[in-house]
């Protein structure tokens, strides 16, 4: 296994541990009252954890909606970043 594979495996293990916990109230509140087109709580939790673990400086998203709120929240909890929705 090379260094990149080890790093990816570690991120996946960390995310799985976080996802096994109860969904965060932060993500749940962002998705509260969502319509049928919005992402699910589980997908929102996964997306939030993914952005937190990868910690990108910027995210390019195709589409805009509740997922944008989840991504922006994760970027903010990491200290900031740029979200571009197309």
N, C-alpha and C. Protein backbone atom coordinates (compact mmCIF):
# COMPACT_ATOMS: atom_id res chain seq x y z
N UNK A 1 0.84 -1.17 0.00
CA UNK A 1 0.00 0.00 0.00
C UNK A 1 0.89 1.24 0.00
N UNK A 2 0.63 2.17 -0.93
CA UNK A 2 1.44 3.38 -0.94
C UNK A 2 0.90 4.41 0.04
N UNK A 3 1.59 5.53 0.18
CA UNK A 3 1.23 6.56 1.16
C UNK A 3 -0.16 7.14 0.91
N UNK A 4 -0.52 7.33 -0.36
CA UNK A 4 -1.84 7.88 -0.68
C UNK A 4 -2.93 6.91 -0.26
N UNK A 5 -2.73 5.62 -0.51
CA UNK A 5 -3.72 4.61 -0.12
C UNK A 5 -3.89 4.56 1.40
N UNK A 6 -2.80 4.69 2.12
CA UNK A 6 -2.86 4.69 3.58
C UNK A 6 -3.64 5.91 4.08
N UNK A 7 -3.37 7.06 3.49
CA UNK A 7 -4.06 8.28 3.89
C UNK A 7 -5.56 8.18 3.59
N UNK A 8 -5.90 7.65 2.43
CA UNK A 8 -7.31 7.49 2.06
C UNK A 8 -7.99 6.51 3.00
N UNK A 9 -7.33 5.41 3.31
CA UNK A 9 -7.90 4.42 4.23
C UNK A 9 -8.14 5.03 5.61
N UNK A 10 -7.24 5.88 6.06
CA UNK A 10 -7.39 6.53 7.36
C UNK A 10 -8.57 7.49 7.35
N UNK A 11 -8.73 8.27 6.29
CA UNK A 11 -9.86 9.19 6.18
C UNK A 11 -11.18 8.42 6.18
N UNK A 12 -11.23 7.33 5.42
CA UNK A 12 -12.45 6.51 5.36
C UNK A 12 -12.76 5.92 6.73
N UNK A 13 -11.76 5.43 7.43
CA UNK A 13 -11.98 4.86 8.76
C UNK A 13 -12.49 5.93 9.73
N UNK A 14 -11.89 7.12 9.69
CA UNK A 14 -12.34 8.21 10.54
C UNK A 14 -13.78 8.61 10.23
N UNK A 15 -14.10 8.69 8.94
CA UNK A 15 -15.45 9.06 8.53
C UNK A 15 -16.45 8.01 8.96
N UNK A 16 -16.12 6.74 8.81
CA UNK A 16 -17.02 5.67 9.23
C UNK A 16 -17.29 5.75 10.73
N UNK A 17 -16.25 6.04 11.50
CA UNK A 17 -16.43 6.17 12.96
C UNK A 17 -17.35 7.34 13.27
N UNK A 18 -17.15 8.46 12.59
CA UNK A 18 -18.00 9.64 12.82
C UNK A 18 -19.43 9.39 12.38
N UNK A 19 -19.60 8.70 11.27
CA UNK A 19 -20.95 8.44 10.75
C UNK A 19 -21.71 7.44 11.60
N UNK A 20 -20.99 6.62 12.34
CA UNK A 20 -21.65 5.64 13.21
C UNK A 20 -22.30 6.33 14.41
N UNK A 21 -21.85 7.53 14.70
CA UNK A 21 -22.44 8.29 15.79
C UNK A 21 -23.80 8.83 15.35
N UNK A 22 -24.53 9.34 16.32
CA UNK A 22 -25.81 9.97 16.01
C UNK A 22 -25.58 11.16 15.08
N UNK A 23 -26.49 11.39 14.12
CA UNK A 23 -26.30 12.54 13.22
C UNK A 23 -26.15 13.84 14.00
N UNK A 24 -25.27 14.70 13.53
CA UNK A 24 -25.04 15.95 14.24
C UNK A 24 -26.28 16.83 14.17
N UNK A 25 -26.52 17.54 15.25
CA UNK A 25 -27.67 18.44 15.27
C UNK A 25 -27.48 19.58 14.29
N UNK A 26 -26.22 19.92 14.01
CA UNK A 26 -25.93 20.99 13.05
C UNK A 26 -26.44 20.60 11.66
N UNK A 27 -26.10 19.39 11.22
CA UNK A 27 -26.54 18.93 9.90
C UNK A 27 -28.05 18.75 9.89
N UNK A 28 -28.58 18.17 10.95
CA UNK A 28 -30.03 17.96 11.03
C UNK A 28 -30.78 19.28 10.95
N UNK A 29 -30.27 20.32 11.60
CA UNK A 29 -30.96 21.62 11.57
C UNK A 29 -30.88 22.25 10.18
N UNK A 30 -29.78 22.01 9.46
CA UNK A 30 -29.67 22.55 8.11
C UNK A 30 -30.65 21.89 7.15
N UNK A 31 -30.99 20.63 7.43
CA UNK A 31 -31.87 19.88 6.54
C UNK A 31 -33.30 19.81 7.05
N UNK A 32 -33.58 20.45 8.18
CA UNK A 32 -34.92 20.43 8.75
C UNK A 32 -35.91 21.10 7.82
N UNK A 33 -37.05 20.45 7.60
CA UNK A 33 -38.07 21.01 6.73
C UNK A 33 -37.75 20.92 5.25
N UNK A 34 -36.78 20.08 4.92
CA UNK A 34 -36.37 19.94 3.51
C UNK A 34 -37.47 19.28 2.69
N UNK A 35 -37.48 19.61 1.42
CA UNK A 35 -38.47 19.01 0.53
C UNK A 35 -37.94 17.69 -0.05
N UNK A 36 -38.69 17.11 -0.97
CA UNK A 36 -38.32 15.81 -1.53
C UNK A 36 -37.04 15.85 -2.36
N UNK A 37 -36.63 17.03 -2.80
CA UNK A 37 -35.42 17.14 -3.63
C UNK A 37 -34.15 17.27 -2.81
N UNK A 38 -34.29 17.59 -1.54
CA UNK A 38 -33.12 17.82 -0.69
C UNK A 38 -32.41 16.51 -0.39
N UNK A 39 -31.13 16.62 -0.05
CA UNK A 39 -30.37 15.43 0.32
C UNK A 39 -30.87 14.89 1.66
N UNK A 40 -30.65 13.62 1.88
CA UNK A 40 -31.08 12.99 3.13
C UNK A 40 -30.15 13.39 4.27
N UNK A 41 -30.59 13.13 5.48
CA UNK A 41 -29.75 13.42 6.65
C UNK A 41 -28.46 12.60 6.57
N UNK A 42 -28.55 11.33 6.19
CA UNK A 42 -27.36 10.49 6.09
C UNK A 42 -26.38 11.01 5.05
N UNK A 43 -26.89 11.42 3.89
CA UNK A 43 -26.02 11.97 2.84
C UNK A 43 -25.44 13.30 3.30
N UNK A 44 -26.24 14.11 4.00
CA UNK A 44 -25.75 15.38 4.51
C UNK A 44 -24.65 15.18 5.54
N UNK A 45 -24.84 14.21 6.41
CA UNK A 45 -23.83 13.89 7.43
C UNK A 45 -22.54 13.43 6.76
N UNK A 46 -22.67 12.57 5.76
CA UNK A 46 -21.49 12.09 5.03
C UNK A 46 -20.77 13.25 4.35
N UNK A 47 -21.51 14.10 3.67
CA UNK A 47 -20.92 15.24 2.97
C UNK A 47 -20.22 16.18 3.94
N UNK A 48 -20.86 16.45 5.06
CA UNK A 48 -20.27 17.33 6.08
C UNK A 48 -18.96 16.74 6.59
N UNK A 49 -18.97 15.45 6.93
CA UNK A 49 -17.75 14.81 7.43
C UNK A 49 -16.66 14.76 6.36
N UNK A 50 -17.04 14.51 5.11
CA UNK A 50 -16.07 14.46 4.02
C UNK A 50 -15.35 15.80 3.88
N UNK A 51 -16.11 16.88 3.86
CA UNK A 51 -15.50 18.20 3.72
C UNK A 51 -14.64 18.52 4.95
N UNK A 52 -15.10 18.15 6.14
CA UNK A 52 -14.31 18.41 7.34
C UNK A 52 -12.99 17.63 7.32
N UNK A 53 -13.03 16.37 6.88
CA UNK A 53 -11.81 15.55 6.89
C UNK A 53 -10.84 15.95 5.78
N UNK A 54 -11.36 16.24 4.60
CA UNK A 54 -10.48 16.60 3.48
C UNK A 54 -9.95 18.03 3.66
N UNK A 55 -10.77 18.90 4.27
CA UNK A 55 -10.40 20.30 4.56
C UNK A 55 -9.92 21.05 3.32
N UNK A 56 -10.74 21.09 2.27
CA UNK A 56 -10.31 21.82 1.06
C UNK A 56 -10.38 23.33 1.28
N UNK A 57 -9.59 24.06 0.51
CA UNK A 57 -9.66 25.52 0.55
C UNK A 57 -10.86 26.01 -0.26
N UNK A 58 -11.23 25.23 -1.28
CA UNK A 58 -12.41 25.60 -2.07
C UNK A 58 -13.12 24.34 -2.55
N UNK A 59 -14.44 24.49 -2.77
CA UNK A 59 -15.28 23.40 -3.26
C UNK A 59 -16.07 23.91 -4.44
N UNK A 60 -16.09 23.15 -5.53
CA UNK A 60 -16.91 23.45 -6.69
C UNK A 60 -18.07 22.49 -6.69
N UNK A 61 -19.28 23.03 -6.62
CA UNK A 61 -20.49 22.21 -6.55
C UNK A 61 -21.35 22.52 -7.77
N UNK A 62 -21.86 21.50 -8.41
CA UNK A 62 -22.78 21.67 -9.52
C UNK A 62 -24.19 21.51 -8.99
N UNK A 63 -24.91 22.62 -8.92
CA UNK A 63 -26.22 22.64 -8.30
C UNK A 63 -26.14 23.47 -7.04
N UNK A 64 -27.28 23.79 -6.50
CA UNK A 64 -27.31 24.56 -5.26
C UNK A 64 -28.58 24.21 -4.52
N UNK A 65 -28.47 24.13 -3.23
CA UNK A 65 -29.62 23.79 -2.41
C UNK A 65 -29.16 23.52 -1.00
N UNK A 66 -29.79 22.55 -0.37
CA UNK A 66 -29.45 22.23 1.02
C UNK A 66 -28.02 21.70 1.13
N UNK A 67 -27.55 21.00 0.11
CA UNK A 67 -26.17 20.51 0.16
C UNK A 67 -25.18 21.67 0.24
N UNK A 68 -25.52 22.79 -0.38
CA UNK A 68 -24.66 23.97 -0.30
C UNK A 68 -24.52 24.45 1.13
N UNK A 69 -25.63 24.41 1.88
CA UNK A 69 -25.60 24.81 3.30
C UNK A 69 -24.70 23.87 4.10
N UNK A 70 -24.79 22.58 3.81
CA UNK A 70 -23.99 21.58 4.52
C UNK A 70 -22.50 21.79 4.22
N UNK A 71 -22.17 21.99 2.95
CA UNK A 71 -20.77 22.21 2.56
C UNK A 71 -20.24 23.49 3.20
N UNK A 72 -21.02 24.56 3.13
CA UNK A 72 -20.60 25.84 3.71
C UNK A 72 -20.39 25.72 5.22
N UNK A 73 -21.25 24.98 5.88
CA UNK A 73 -21.12 24.77 7.32
C UNK A 73 -19.82 24.04 7.64
N UNK A 74 -19.50 23.01 6.87
CA UNK A 74 -18.27 22.26 7.10
C UNK A 74 -17.04 23.12 6.82
N UNK A 75 -17.09 23.91 5.75
CA UNK A 75 -15.97 24.81 5.47
C UNK A 75 -15.77 25.80 6.61
N UNK A 76 -16.88 26.34 7.12
CA UNK A 76 -16.80 27.30 8.21
C UNK A 76 -16.21 26.65 9.47
N UNK A 77 -16.61 25.41 9.77
CA UNK A 77 -16.08 24.75 10.96
C UNK A 77 -14.59 24.43 10.80
N UNK A 78 -14.11 24.40 9.56
CA UNK A 78 -12.68 24.19 9.31
C UNK A 78 -11.91 25.50 9.33
N UNK A 79 -12.58 26.62 9.53
CA UNK A 79 -11.89 27.90 9.57
C UNK A 79 -12.11 28.74 8.33
N UNK A 80 -12.94 28.27 7.41
CA UNK A 80 -13.25 29.04 6.21
C UNK A 80 -12.90 28.30 4.94
N UNK A 81 -13.27 28.89 3.85
CA UNK A 81 -13.04 28.31 2.54
C UNK A 81 -13.99 28.94 1.55
N UNK A 82 -13.89 28.54 0.30
CA UNK A 82 -14.72 29.10 -0.75
C UNK A 82 -15.60 28.00 -1.34
N UNK A 83 -16.89 28.28 -1.43
CA UNK A 83 -17.85 27.38 -2.07
C UNK A 83 -18.36 28.07 -3.32
N UNK A 84 -18.17 27.43 -4.46
CA UNK A 84 -18.69 27.93 -5.73
C UNK A 84 -19.74 26.95 -6.22
N UNK A 85 -20.97 27.43 -6.37
CA UNK A 85 -22.06 26.60 -6.87
C UNK A 85 -22.41 27.04 -8.28
N UNK A 86 -22.40 26.10 -9.21
CA UNK A 86 -22.70 26.39 -10.62
C UNK A 86 -24.03 25.80 -10.96
